[in-house]
Amino acid sequence: LSHQKWSYKVGLKGEALSLHTVSGSGSVEWTQGSLLAK
């Protein structure tokens, strides 16, 4: 597969949305309680 068509994407969606900041965290829907991902 080395020489077939490859697509590239730099970084994560969460990085682009700045989820590590308070202002950026509101751009996605978070879950909690029994729905918390583990």
PDB file of all heavy atoms in Angstrom:
ATOM      1  N   LEU A   1       0.810  -1.212   0.000  1.00  0.00           N
ATOM      2  CA  LEU A   1       0.000   0.000   0.000  1.00  0.00           C
ATOM      3  C   LEU A   1       0.849   1.270   0.000  1.00  0.00           C
ATOM      4  O   LEU A   1       0.308   2.378  -0.033  1.00  0.00           O
ATOM      5  CB  LEU A   1      -0.901   0.023   1.243  1.00  0.00           C
ATOM      6  CG  LEU A   1      -1.741  -1.223   1.540  1.00  0.00           C
ATOM      7  CD1 LEU A   1      -2.569  -1.006   2.805  1.00  0.00           C
ATOM      8  CD2 LEU A   1      -2.633  -1.563   0.363  1.00  0.00           C
ATOM      9  N   SER A   2       2.160   1.136   0.026  1.00  0.00           N
ATOM     10  CA  SER A   2       3.045   2.269   0.265  1.00  0.00           C
ATOM     11  C   SER A   2       2.927   3.363  -0.767  1.00  0.00           C
ATOM     12  O   SER A   2       3.072   4.561  -0.448  1.00  0.00           O
ATOM     13  CB  SER A   2       4.507   1.796   0.346  1.00  0.00           C
ATOM     14  OG  SER A   2       4.648   0.761   1.288  1.00  0.00           O
ATOM     15  N   HIS A   3       2.654   3.000  -2.026  1.00  0.00           N
ATOM     16  CA  HIS A   3       2.697   3.990  -3.104  1.00  0.00           C
ATOM     17  C   HIS A   3       1.325   4.310  -3.663  1.00  0.00           C
ATOM     18  O   HIS A   3       1.220   4.932  -4.716  1.00  0.00           O
ATOM     19  CB  HIS A   3       3.633   3.507  -4.212  1.00  0.00           C
ATOM     20  CG  HIS A   3       5.041   3.264  -3.743  1.00  0.00           C
ATOM     21  ND1 HIS A   3       5.896   4.284  -3.405  1.00  0.00           N
ATOM     22  CD2 HIS A   3       5.718   2.103  -3.523  1.00  0.00           C
ATOM     23  CE1 HIS A   3       7.053   3.772  -3.008  1.00  0.00           C
ATOM     24  NE2 HIS A   3       6.977   2.450  -3.072  1.00  0.00           N
ATOM     25  N   GLN A   4       0.283   3.879  -2.971  1.00  0.00           N
ATOM     26  CA  GLN A   4      -1.042   4.284  -3.410  1.00  0.00           C
ATOM     27  C   GLN A   4      -1.378   5.631  -2.793  1.00  0.00           C
ATOM     28  O   GLN A   4      -0.569   6.240  -2.092  1.00  0.00           O
ATOM     29  CB  GLN A   4      -2.081   3.238  -3.030  1.00  0.00           C
ATOM     30  CG  GLN A   4      -2.352   3.070  -1.546  1.00  0.00           C
ATOM     31  CD  GLN A   4      -3.400   1.985  -1.299  1.00  0.00           C
ATOM     32  OE1 GLN A   4      -3.406   0.938  -1.944  1.00  0.00           O
ATOM     33  NE2 GLN A   4      -4.304   2.257  -0.371  1.00  0.00           N
ATOM     34  N   LYS A   5      -2.562   6.131  -3.033  1.00  0.00           N
ATOM     35  CA  LYS A   5      -2.933   7.459  -2.562  1.00  0.00           C
ATOM     36  C   LYS A   5      -3.098   7.468  -1.048  1.00  0.00           C
ATOM     37  O   LYS A   5      -3.877   6.697  -0.486  1.00  0.00           O
ATOM     38  CB  LYS A   5      -4.236   7.903  -3.229  1.00  0.00           C
ATOM     39  CG  LYS A   5      -4.683   9.309  -2.833  1.00  0.00           C
ATOM     40  CD  LYS A   5      -5.981   9.672  -3.528  1.00  0.00           C
ATOM     41  CE  LYS A   5      -6.467  11.057  -3.102  1.00  0.00           C
ATOM     42  NZ  LYS A   5      -7.746  11.416  -3.770  1.00  0.00           N
ATOM     43  N   TRP A   6      -2.363   8.388  -0.399  1.00  0.00           N
ATOM     44  CA  TRP A   6      -2.461   8.584   1.042  1.00  0.00           C
ATOM     45  C   TRP A   6      -2.908  10.020   1.315  1.00  0.00           C
ATOM     46  O   TRP A   6      -2.498  10.953   0.635  1.00  0.00           O
ATOM     47  CB  TRP A   6      -1.119   8.346   1.725  1.00  0.00           C
ATOM     48  CG  TRP A   6      -0.745   6.888   1.821  1.00  0.00           C
ATOM     49  CD1 TRP A   6      -0.096   6.143   0.884  1.00  0.00           C
ATOM     50  CD2 TRP A   6      -1.012   6.013   2.917  1.00  0.00           C
ATOM     51  NE1 TRP A   6       0.063   4.846   1.314  1.00  0.00           N
ATOM     52  CE2 TRP A   6      -0.499   4.736   2.566  1.00  0.00           C
ATOM     53  CE3 TRP A   6      -1.634   6.160   4.150  1.00  0.00           C
ATOM     54  CZ2 TRP A   6      -0.584   3.636   3.412  1.00  0.00           C
ATOM     55  CZ3 TRP A   6      -1.724   5.068   4.998  1.00  0.00           C
ATOM     56  CH2 TRP A   6      -1.202   3.816   4.627  1.00  0.00           C
ATOM     57  N   SER A   7      -3.763  10.168   2.317  1.00  0.00           N
ATOM     58  CA  SER A   7      -4.183  11.491   2.771  1.00  0.00           C
ATOM     59  C   SER A   7      -3.529  11.775   4.121  1.00  0.00           C
ATOM     60  O   SER A   7      -3.280  10.862   4.911  1.00  0.00           O
ATOM     61  CB  SER A   7      -5.707  11.555   2.912  1.00  0.00           C
ATOM     62  OG  SER A   7      -6.337  11.301   1.677  1.00  0.00           O
ATOM     63  N   TYR A   8      -3.281  13.050   4.385  1.00  0.00           N
ATOM     64  CA  TYR A   8      -2.610  13.450   5.621  1.00  0.00           C
ATOM     65  C   TYR A   8      -3.402  14.549   6.316  1.00  0.00           C
ATOM     66  O   TYR A   8      -3.909  15.468   5.672  1.00  0.00           O
ATOM     67  CB  TYR A   8      -1.188  13.958   5.326  1.00  0.00           C
ATOM     68  CG  TYR A   8      -0.304  12.916   4.701  1.00  0.00           C
ATOM     69  CD1 TYR A   8      -0.273  12.747   3.314  1.00  0.00           C
ATOM     70  CD2 TYR A   8       0.485  12.086   5.490  1.00  0.00           C
ATOM     71  CE1 TYR A   8       0.528  11.769   2.734  1.00  0.00           C
ATOM     72  CE2 TYR A   8       1.287  11.112   4.924  1.00  0.00           C
ATOM     73  CZ  TYR A   8       1.297  10.958   3.543  1.00  0.00           C
ATOM     74  OH  TYR A   8       2.083   9.983   2.969  1.00  0.00           O
ATOM     75  N   LYS A   9      -3.475  14.453   7.623  1.00  0.00           N
ATOM     76  CA  LYS A   9      -4.118  15.499   8.423  1.00  0.00           C
ATOM     77  C   LYS A   9      -3.243  15.769   9.637  1.00  0.00           C
ATOM     78  O   LYS A   9      -2.920  14.857  10.403  1.00  0.00           O
ATOM     79  CB  LYS A   9      -5.518  15.069   8.856  1.00  0.00           C
ATOM     80  CG  LYS A   9      -6.310  16.181   9.535  1.00  0.00           C
ATOM     81  CD  LYS A   9      -7.733  15.762   9.789  1.00  0.00           C
ATOM     82  CE  LYS A   9      -8.545  16.869  10.456  1.00  0.00           C
ATOM     83  NZ  LYS A   9      -8.597  18.097   9.626  1.00  0.00           N
ATOM     84  N   VAL A  10      -2.867  17.021   9.802  1.00  0.00           N
ATOM     85  CA  VAL A  10      -1.975  17.421  10.886  1.00  0.00           C
ATOM     86  C   VAL A  10      -2.784  17.652  12.159  1.00  0.00           C
ATOM     87  O   VAL A  10      -3.755  18.411  12.172  1.00  0.00           O
ATOM     88  CB  VAL A  10      -1.202  18.699  10.518  1.00  0.00           C
ATOM     89  CG1 VAL A  10      -0.365  19.186  11.702  1.00  0.00           C
ATOM     90  CG2 VAL A  10      -0.316  18.442   9.303  1.00  0.00           C
ATOM     91  N   GLY A  11      -2.382  16.981  13.233  1.00  0.00           N
ATOM     92  CA  GLY A  11      -2.973  17.223  14.535  1.00  0.00           C
ATOM     93  C   GLY A  11      -4.329  16.587  14.739  1.00  0.00           C
ATOM     94  O   GLY A  11      -4.851  15.860  13.885  1.00  0.00           O
ATOM     95  N   LEU A  12      -4.906  16.884  15.889  1.00  0.00           N
ATOM     96  CA  LEU A  12      -6.186  16.327  16.297  1.00  0.00           C
ATOM     97  C   LEU A  12      -7.273  17.387  16.200  1.00  0.00           C
ATOM     98  O   LEU A  12      -7.004  18.593  16.272  1.00  0.00           O
ATOM     99  CB  LEU A  12      -6.103  15.821  17.739  1.00  0.00           C
ATOM    100  CG  LEU A  12      -5.004  14.809  18.051  1.00  0.00           C
ATOM    101  CD1 LEU A  12      -4.876  14.625  19.553  1.00  0.00           C
ATOM    102  CD2 LEU A  12      -5.293  13.482  17.366  1.00  0.00           C
ATOM    103  N   LYS A  13      -8.506  16.928  16.093  1.00  0.00           N
ATOM    104  CA  LYS A  13      -9.635  17.854  16.077  1.00  0.00           C
ATOM    105  C   LYS A  13      -9.681  18.641  17.374  1.00  0.00           C
ATOM    106  O   LYS A  13      -9.911  19.854  17.380  1.00  0.00           O
ATOM    107  CB  LYS A  13     -10.934  17.078  15.876  1.00  0.00           C
ATOM    108  CG  LYS A  13     -12.177  17.955  15.859  1.00  0.00           C
ATOM    109  CD  LYS A  13     -13.433  17.126  15.662  1.00  0.00           C
ATOM    110  CE  LYS A  13     -14.691  18.010  15.687  1.00  0.00           C
ATOM    111  NZ  LYS A  13     -15.929  17.222  15.500  1.00  0.00           N
ATOM    112  N   GLY A  14      -9.456  17.954  18.490  1.00  0.00           N
ATOM    113  CA  GLY A  14      -9.477  18.627  19.785  1.00  0.00           C
ATOM    114  C   GLY A  14      -8.426  19.707  19.916  1.00  0.00           C
ATOM    115  O   GLY A  14      -8.638  20.713  20.599  1.00  0.00           O
ATOM    116  N   GLU A  15      -7.259  19.498  19.276  1.00  0.00           N
ATOM    117  CA  GLU A  15      -6.232  20.532  19.279  1.00  0.00           C
ATOM    118  C   GLU A  15      -6.698  21.751  18.493  1.00  0.00           C
ATOM    119  O   GLU A  15      -6.535  22.892  18.930  1.00  0.00           O
ATOM    120  CB  GLU A  15      -4.930  19.992  18.679  1.00  0.00           C
ATOM    121  CG  GLU A  15      -4.194  18.995  19.551  1.00  0.00           C
ATOM    122  CD  GLU A  15      -2.908  18.509  18.901  1.00  0.00           C
ATOM    123  OE1 GLU A  15      -2.983  17.964  17.783  1.00  0.00           O
ATOM    124  OE2 GLU A  15      -1.838  18.670  19.517  1.00  0.00           O
ATOM    125  N   ALA A  16      -7.282  21.497  17.322  1.00  0.00           N
ATOM    126  CA  ALA A  16      -7.757  22.595  16.481  1.00  0.00           C
ATOM    127  C   ALA A  16      -8.852  23.398  17.172  1.00  0.00           C
ATOM    128  O   ALA A  16      -8.951  24.624  16.996  1.00  0.00           O
ATOM    129  CB  ALA A  16      -8.261  22.047  15.150  1.00  0.00           C
ATOM    130  N   LEU A  17      -9.667  22.731  17.980  1.00  0.00           N
ATOM    131  CA  LEU A  17     -10.757  23.395  18.699  1.00  0.00           C
ATOM    132  C   LEU A  17     -10.303  23.984  20.029  1.00  0.00           C
ATOM    133  O   LEU A  17     -11.102  24.606  20.731  1.00  0.00           O
ATOM    134  CB  LEU A  17     -11.899  22.400  18.951  1.00  0.00           C
ATOM    135  CG  LEU A  17     -12.612  21.854  17.704  1.00  0.00           C
ATOM    136  CD1 LEU A  17     -13.617  20.777  18.097  1.00  0.00           C
ATOM    137  CD2 LEU A  17     -13.297  22.980  16.939  1.00  0.00           C
ATOM    138  N   SER A  18      -9.038  23.772  20.392  1.00  0.00           N
ATOM    139  CA  SER A  18      -8.481  24.262  21.666  1.00  0.00           C
ATOM    140  C   SER A  18      -9.299  23.782  22.853  1.00  0.00           C
ATOM    141  O   SER A  18      -9.675  24.557  23.739  1.00  0.00           O
ATOM    142  CB  SER A  18      -8.400  25.797  21.663  1.00  0.00           C
ATOM    143  OG  SER A  18      -7.515  26.260  20.676  1.00  0.00           O
ATOM    144  N   LEU A  19      -9.558  22.475  22.881  1.00  0.00           N
ATOM    145  CA  LEU A  19     -10.327  21.920  23.989  1.00  0.00           C
ATOM    146  C   LEU A  19      -9.608  22.050  25.323  1.00  0.00           C
ATOM    147  O   LEU A  19     -10.242  21.915  26.380  1.00  0.00           O
ATOM    148  CB  LEU A  19     -10.642  20.441  23.724  1.00  0.00           C
ATOM    149  CG  LEU A  19     -11.547  20.138  22.525  1.00  0.00           C
ATOM    150  CD1 LEU A  19     -11.874  18.647  22.478  1.00  0.00           C
ATOM    151  CD2 LEU A  19     -12.829  20.954  22.577  1.00  0.00           C
ATOM    152  N   HIS A  20      -8.310  22.322  25.286  1.00  0.00           N
ATOM    153  CA  HIS A  20      -7.562  22.469  26.535  1.00  0.00           C
ATOM    154  C   HIS A  20      -7.808  23.822  27.198  1.00  0.00           C
ATOM    155  O   HIS A  20      -7.300  24.074  28.290  1.00  0.00           O
ATOM    156  CB  HIS A  20      -6.065  22.277  26.278  1.00  0.00           C
ATOM    157  CG  HIS A  20      -5.456  23.337  25.411  1.00  0.00           C
ATOM    158  ND1 HIS A  20      -5.655  23.395  24.050  1.00  0.00           N
ATOM    159  CD2 HIS A  20      -4.660  24.391  25.721  1.00  0.00           C
ATOM    160  CE1 HIS A  20      -5.004  24.432  23.548  1.00  0.00           C
ATOM    161  NE2 HIS A  20      -4.385  25.047  24.541  1.00  0.00           N
ATOM    162  N   THR A  21      -8.585  24.697  26.554  1.00  0.00           N
ATOM    163  CA  THR A  21      -8.911  26.002  27.116  1.00  0.00           C
ATOM    164  C   THR A  21     -10.391  26.060  27.462  1.00  0.00           C
ATOM    165  O   THR A  21     -11.220  25.348  26.886  1.00  0.00           O
ATOM    166  CB  THR A  21      -8.573  27.130  26.138  1.00  0.00           C
ATOM    167  OG1 THR A  21      -9.433  27.032  24.985  1.00  0.00           O
ATOM    168  CG2 THR A  21      -7.122  27.044  25.683  1.00  0.00           C
ATOM    169  N   VAL A  22     -10.726  26.937  28.381  1.00  0.00           N
ATOM    170  CA  VAL A  22     -12.133  27.100  28.765  1.00  0.00           C
ATOM    171  C   VAL A  22     -12.959  27.587  27.580  1.00  0.00           C
ATOM    172  O   VAL A  22     -14.065  27.096  27.322  1.00  0.00           O
ATOM    173  CB  VAL A  22     -12.247  28.085  29.956  1.00  0.00           C
ATOM    174  CG1 VAL A  22     -13.716  28.383  30.261  1.00  0.00           C
ATOM    175  CG2 VAL A  22     -11.550  27.524  31.186  1.00  0.00           C
ATOM    176  N   SER A  23     -12.418  28.540  26.826  1.00  0.00           N
ATOM    177  CA  SER A  23     -13.170  29.081  25.694  1.00  0.00           C
ATOM    178  C   SER A  23     -13.385  28.044  24.606  1.00  0.00           C
ATOM    179  O   SER A  23     -14.441  28.007  23.965  1.00  0.00           O
ATOM    180  CB  SER A  23     -12.440  30.305  25.124  1.00  0.00           C
ATOM    181  OG  SER A  23     -11.125  29.947  24.705  1.00  0.00           O
ATOM    182  N   GLY A  24     -12.402  27.179  24.388  1.00  0.00           N
ATOM    183  CA  GLY A  24     -12.539  26.178  23.332  1.00  0.00           C
ATOM    184  C   GLY A  24     -13.389  24.987  23.717  1.00  0.00           C
ATOM    185  O   GLY A  24     -13.943  24.298  22.849  1.00  0.00           O
ATOM    186  N   SER A  25     -13.539  24.739  25.012  1.00  0.00           N
ATOM    187  CA  SER A  25     -14.243  23.529  25.452  1.00  0.00           C
ATOM    188  C   SER A  25     -15.720  23.556  25.110  1.00  0.00           C
ATOM    189  O   SER A  25     -16.371  22.510  25.026  1.00  0.00           O
ATOM    190  CB  SER A  25     -14.075  23.340  26.960  1.00  0.00           C
ATOM    191  OG  SER A  25     -14.728  24.385  27.671  1.00  0.00           O
ATOM    192  N   GLY A  26     -16.277  24.742  24.920  1.00  0.00           N
ATOM    193  CA  GLY A  26     -17.695  24.838  24.617  1.00  0.00           C
ATOM    194  C   GLY A  26     -18.057  24.480  23.194  1.00  0.00           C
ATOM    195  O   GLY A  26     -19.244  24.455  22.840  1.00  0.00           O
ATOM    196  N   SER A  27     -17.070  24.165  22.352  1.00  0.00           N
ATOM    197  CA  SER A  27     -17.342  23.875  20.944  1.00  0.00           C
ATOM    198  C   SER A  27     -17.776  22.440  20.696  1.00  0.00           C
ATOM    199  O   SER A  27     -18.142  22.091  19.574  1.00  0.00           O
ATOM    200  CB  SER A  27     -16.097  24.181  20.099  1.00  0.00           C
ATOM    201  OG  SER A  27     -14.989  23.409  20.546  1.00  0.00           O
ATOM    202  N   VAL A  28     -17.719  21.576  21.722  1.00  0.00           N
ATOM    203  CA  VAL A  28     -18.141  20.185  21.560  1.00  0.00           C
ATOM    204  C   VAL A  28     -19.069  19.813  22.714  1.00  0.00           C
ATOM    205  O   VAL A  28     -19.147  20.505  23.728  1.00  0.00           O
ATOM    206  CB  VAL A  28     -16.942  19.209  21.514  1.00  0.00           C
ATOM    207  CG1 VAL A  28     -16.011  19.540  20.368  1.00  0.00           C
ATOM    208  CG2 VAL A  28     -16.187  19.216  22.842  1.00  0.00           C
ATOM    209  N   GLU A  29     -19.775  18.703  22.558  1.00  0.00           N
ATOM    210  CA  GLU A  29     -20.677  18.226  23.597  1.00  0.00           C
ATOM    211  C   GLU A  29     -19.965  17.175  24.443  1.00  0.00           C
ATOM    212  O   GLU A  29     -19.497  16.163  23.941  1.00  0.00           O
ATOM    213  CB  GLU A  29     -21.932  17.626  22.970  1.00  0.00           C
ATOM    214  CG  GLU A  29     -22.980  17.204  23.979  1.00  0.00           C
ATOM    215  CD  GLU A  29     -24.266  16.730  23.340  1.00  0.00           C
ATOM    216  OE1 GLU A  29     -24.441  16.974  22.129  1.00  0.00           O
ATOM    217  OE2 GLU A  29     -25.088  16.109  24.044  1.00  0.00           O
ATOM    218  N   TRP A  30     -19.884  17.430  25.727  1.00  0.00           N
ATOM    219  CA  TRP A  30     -19.217  16.541  26.664  1.00  0.00           C
ATOM    220  C   TRP A  30     -20.242  15.651  27.357  1.00  0.00           C
ATOM    221  O   TRP A  30     -21.403  16.035  27.527  1.00  0.00           O
ATOM    222  CB  TRP A  30     -18.451  17.343  27.725  1.00  0.00           C
ATOM    223  CG  TRP A  30     -17.373  18.227  27.157  1.00  0.00           C
ATOM    224  CD1 TRP A  30     -17.544  19.439  26.556  1.00  0.00           C
ATOM    225  CD2 TRP A  30     -15.966  17.976  27.141  1.00  0.00           C
ATOM    226  NE1 TRP A  30     -16.336  19.966  26.163  1.00  0.00           N
ATOM    227  CE2 TRP A  30     -15.342  19.082  26.511  1.00  0.00           C
ATOM    228  CE3 TRP A  30     -15.159  16.937  27.594  1.00  0.00           C
ATOM    229  CZ2 TRP A  30     -13.965  19.171  26.327  1.00  0.00           C
ATOM    230  CZ3 TRP A  30     -13.775  17.030  27.415  1.00  0.00           C
ATOM    231  CH2 TRP A  30     -13.191  18.131  26.787  1.00  0.00           C
ATOM    232  N   THR A  31     -19.807  14.469  27.779  1.00  0.00           N
ATOM    233  CA  THR A  31     -20.675  13.560  28.521  1.00  0.00           C
ATOM    234  C   THR A  31     -20.096  13.325  29.905  1.00  0.00           C
ATOM    235  O   THR A  31     -18.896  13.493  30.128  1.00  0.00           O
ATOM    236  CB  THR A  31     -20.829  12.213  27.808  1.00  0.00           C
ATOM    237  OG1 THR A  31     -19.535  11.600  27.669  1.00  0.00           O
ATOM    238  CG2 THR A  31     -21.447  12.398  26.429  1.00  0.00           C
ATOM    239  N   GLN A  32     -20.959  12.936  30.850  1.00  0.00           N
ATOM    240  CA  GLN A  32     -20.506  12.711  32.213  1.00  0.00           C
ATOM    241  C   GLN A  32     -21.359  11.641  32.871  1.00  0.00           C
ATOM    242  O   GLN A  32     -22.226  11.036  32.236  1.00  0.00           O
ATOM    243  CB  GLN A  32     -20.566  14.019  33.014  1.00  0.00           C
ATOM    244  CG  GLN A  32     -21.931  14.666  33.053  1.00  0.00           C
ATOM    245  CD  GLN A  32     -21.918  15.999  33.800  1.00  0.00           C
ATOM    246  OE1 GLN A  32     -21.273  16.118  34.841  1.00  0.00           O
ATOM    247  NE2 GLN A  32     -22.609  16.991  33.263  1.00  0.00           N
ATOM    248  N   GLY A  33     -21.106  11.399  34.145  1.00  0.00           N
ATOM    249  CA  GLY A  33     -21.880  10.413  34.882  1.00  0.00           C
ATOM    250  C   GLY A  33     -21.702   9.021  34.322  1.00  0.00           C
ATOM    251  O   GLY A  33     -20.587   8.580  34.028  1.00  0.00           O
ATOM    252  N   SER A  34     -22.787   8.318  34.126  1.00  0.00           N
ATOM    253  CA  SER A  34     -22.742   6.944  33.620  1.00  0.00           C
ATOM    254  C   SER A  34     -22.293   6.872  32.175  1.00  0.00           C
ATOM    255  O   SER A  34     -21.899   5.811  31.690  1.00  0.00           O
ATOM    256  CB  SER A  34     -24.116   6.283  33.763  1.00  0.00           C
ATOM    257  OG  SER A  34     -25.087   7.000  33.007  1.00  0.00           O
ATOM    258  N   LEU A  35     -22.344   7.999  31.465  1.00  0.00           N
ATOM    259  CA  LEU A  35     -21.928   8.031  30.061  1.00  0.00           C
ATOM    260  C   LEU A  35     -20.450   8.396  29.898  1.00  0.00           C
ATOM    261  O   LEU A  35     -19.960   8.472  28.765  1.00  0.00           O
ATOM    262  CB  LEU A  35     -22.793   9.037  29.283  1.00  0.00           C
ATOM    263  CG  LEU A  35     -24.295   8.730  29.237  1.00  0.00           C
ATOM    264  CD1 LEU A  35     -25.033   9.835  28.489  1.00  0.00           C
ATOM    265  CD2 LEU A  35     -24.557   7.374  28.584  1.00  0.00           C
ATOM    266  N   LEU A  36     -19.764   8.633  31.021  1.00  0.00           N
ATOM    267  CA  LEU A  36     -18.343   8.995  30.948  1.00  0.00           C
ATOM    268  C   LEU A  36     -17.554   7.888  30.257  1.00  0.00           C
ATOM    269  O   LEU A  36     -17.638   6.716  30.621  1.00  0.00           O
ATOM    270  CB  LEU A  36     -17.797   9.210  32.361  1.00  0.00           C
ATOM    271  CG  LEU A  36     -16.329   9.638  32.463  1.00  0.00           C
ATOM    272  CD1 LEU A  36     -16.161  11.079  32.003  1.00  0.00           C
ATOM    273  CD2 LEU A  36     -15.807   9.477  33.895  1.00  0.00           C
ATOM    274  N   ALA A  37     -16.786   8.263  29.248  1.00  0.00           N
ATOM    275  CA  ALA A  37     -15.991   7.280  28.501  1.00  0.00           C
ATOM    276  C   ALA A  37     -14.804   6.817  29.331  1.00  0.00           C
ATOM    277  O   ALA A  37     -14.107   7.628  29.948  1.00  0.00           O
ATOM    278  CB  ALA A  37     -15.508   7.888  27.190  1.00  0.00           C
ATOM    279  N   LYS A  38     -14.586   5.518  29.367  1.00  0.00           N
ATOM    280  CA  LYS A  38     -13.446   4.930  30.056  1.00  0.00           C
ATOM    281  C   LYS A  38     -12.809   3.881  29.160  1.00  0.00           C
ATOM    282  O   LYS A  38     -13.508   3.187  28.421  1.00  0.00           O
ATOM    283  CB  LYS A  38     -13.860   4.292  31.382  1.00  0.00           C
ATOM    284  CG  LYS A  38     -14.459   5.248  32.401  1.00  0.00           C
ATOM    285  CD  LYS A  38     -14.855   4.508  33.678  1.00  0.00           C
ATOM    286  CE  LYS A  38     -15.508   5.430  34.685  1.00  0.00           C
ATOM    287  NZ  LYS A  38     -15.918   4.703  35.912  1.00  0.00           N
TER     288      LYS A  38
END
